[in-house]
Amino acid sequence: MLPTHRHVETHHGVEIWQRQPGFEFTPVMLGKIASFVALTPDKRYTVFAFMYSMLAGLNGADIREDRLLAEALQVIETTIDQAPIGKRQELTFEYRDAAWVEVSAPRWWIHTS
């Protein structure tokens, strides 16, 4: 795995690796992004990216990053439970109304695979 990632857990044989340090500030927007790689034993992978707006706290949202990372991990586990990990697949999520919502081709994510 990449040296920038740490192993978080293995779920049904799929290793989940989190990019360090977790949520990272992106200077071109008022948001922070965390990403994970889910890797199967035969080297198929799916990238998961999660973004929350730093302005959400102004509206009273509970923005504790440790909680948001734990909830992101639950989303990854649920996704693994529902379908096999793809080959070079990328899934993106935004934090909206106190939940991670899957979004397609967001402007904040550059497709990498």
Protein backbone atom coordinates (compact mmCIF):
# COMPACT_ATOMS: atom_id res chain seq x y z
CA MET A 1 0.00 0.00 0.00
CA LEU A 2 1.01 3.63 -0.34
CA PRO A 3 3.22 5.01 2.47
CA THR A 4 0.71 7.85 2.96
CA HIS A 5 -1.98 5.40 4.12
CA ARG A 6 -2.55 3.41 7.30
CA HIS A 7 -4.52 0.19 7.64
CA VAL A 8 -7.78 0.91 9.49
CA GLU A 9 -9.47 -2.48 9.40
CA THR A 10 -10.27 -5.55 7.31
CA HIS A 11 -13.96 -6.05 6.52
CA HIS A 12 -15.02 -9.37 4.93
CA GLY A 13 -11.49 -9.86 3.61
CA VAL A 14 -11.25 -6.32 2.17
CA GLU A 15 -8.46 -4.19 3.64
CA ILE A 16 -9.45 -0.58 4.29
CA TRP A 17 -6.64 1.99 4.22
CA GLN A 18 -7.04 5.63 5.24
CA ARG A 19 -4.92 8.44 3.83
CA GLN A 20 -3.18 10.25 6.66
CA PRO A 21 -3.86 12.41 8.56
CA GLY A 22 -7.61 12.08 7.88
CA PHE A 23 -9.51 15.15 6.77
CA GLU A 24 -7.27 17.57 4.91
CA PHE A 25 -7.92 21.21 4.14
CA THR A 26 -8.12 22.06 0.46
CA PRO A 27 -7.06 25.67 -0.15
CA VAL A 28 -9.31 26.24 -3.17
CA MET A 29 -12.51 25.66 -1.19
CA LEU A 30 -13.90 25.86 2.31
CA GLY A 31 -14.04 22.12 2.69
CA LYS A 32 -11.99 19.21 3.99
CA ILE A 33 -11.54 15.85 2.29
CA ALA A 34 -10.67 12.40 3.63
CA SER A 35 -9.98 9.43 1.40
CA PHE A 36 -9.71 5.68 1.78
CA VAL A 37 -8.70 2.76 -0.42
CA ALA A 38 -10.54 -0.56 -0.07
CA LEU A 39 -8.30 -3.33 -1.41
CA THR A 40 -9.23 -6.96 -2.09
CA PRO A 41 -6.72 -9.85 -1.81
CA ASP A 42 -6.57 -10.01 -5.64
CA LYS A 43 -5.68 -6.27 -5.78
CA ARG A 44 -9.02 -4.87 -6.99
CA TYR A 45 -9.68 -1.58 -5.29
CA THR A 46 -12.23 1.14 -4.77
CA VAL A 47 -11.31 4.64 -3.66
CA PHE A 48 -13.74 6.35 -1.28
CA ALA A 49 -13.58 10.14 -0.82
CA PHE A 50 -15.56 12.13 1.75
CA MET A 51 -15.92 15.92 1.83
CA TYR A 52 -17.56 18.19 4.35
CA SER A 53 -18.02 21.93 4.11
CA MET A 54 -16.25 23.87 6.83
CA LEU A 55 -19.27 26.19 6.78
CA ALA A 56 -21.55 23.39 8.07
CA GLY A 57 -20.54 24.27 11.61
CA LEU A 58 -22.04 27.73 11.15
CA ASN A 59 -25.42 26.02 10.71
CA GLY A 60 -25.02 24.05 13.92
CA ALA A 61 -23.77 20.78 12.39
CA ASP A 62 -21.70 18.56 14.70
CA ILE A 63 -18.34 18.62 12.92
CA ARG A 64 -16.16 16.37 15.04
CA GLU A 65 -13.77 14.80 12.58
CA ASP A 66 -13.25 11.61 14.60
CA ARG A 67 -17.02 10.99 14.44
CA LEU A 68 -17.18 11.86 10.74
CA LEU A 69 -14.33 9.43 9.98
CA ALA A 70 -16.08 6.67 11.95
CA GLU A 71 -19.29 7.31 10.02
CA ALA A 72 -17.35 7.29 6.73
CA LEU A 73 -15.91 3.91 7.69
CA GLN A 74 -19.47 2.63 8.28
CA VAL A 75 -20.40 3.81 4.76
CA ILE A 76 -17.45 1.87 3.35
CA GLU A 77 -18.43 -1.27 5.28
CA THR A 78 -22.04 -1.02 4.05
CA THR A 79 -20.83 -0.57 0.48
CA ILE A 80 -18.62 -3.66 0.78
CA ASP A 81 -21.59 -5.61 2.18
CA GLN A 82 -23.83 -4.61 -0.74
CA ALA A 83 -21.57 -5.14 -3.75
CA PRO A 84 -18.13 -6.44 -4.62
CA ILE A 85 -15.25 -4.00 -4.66
CA GLY A 86 -14.67 -2.81 -8.21
CA LYS A 87 -11.52 -2.47 -10.19
CA ARG A 88 -10.30 1.13 -10.07
CA GLN A 89 -13.67 2.44 -8.94
CA GLU A 90 -14.02 5.80 -7.17
CA LEU A 91 -16.99 6.70 -4.96
CA THR A 92 -17.48 10.20 -3.57
CA PHE A 93 -19.63 11.42 -0.69
CA GLU A 94 -20.60 14.79 0.78
CA TYR A 95 -21.79 15.46 4.30
CA ARG A 96 -25.35 16.81 4.03
CA ASP A 97 -28.09 17.00 6.66
CA ALA A 98 -26.06 14.96 9.17
CA ALA A 99 -25.33 12.07 6.78
CA TRP A 100 -22.88 11.02 4.09
CA VAL A 101 -24.61 11.25 0.70
CA GLU A 102 -23.09 9.71 -2.42
CA VAL A 103 -22.51 12.25 -5.19
CA SER A 104 -21.44 11.80 -8.80
CA ALA A 105 -18.50 13.66 -10.32
CA PRO A 106 -18.24 16.42 -7.70
CA ARG A 107 -16.15 19.45 -8.63
CA TRP A 108 -13.92 18.92 -5.59
CA TRP A 109 -12.67 15.46 -6.68
CA ILE A 110 -10.26 14.77 -9.53
CA HIS A 111 -10.69 11.25 -10.85
CA THR A 112 -7.34 9.50 -10.40
CA SER A 113 -7.58 5.95 -11.74
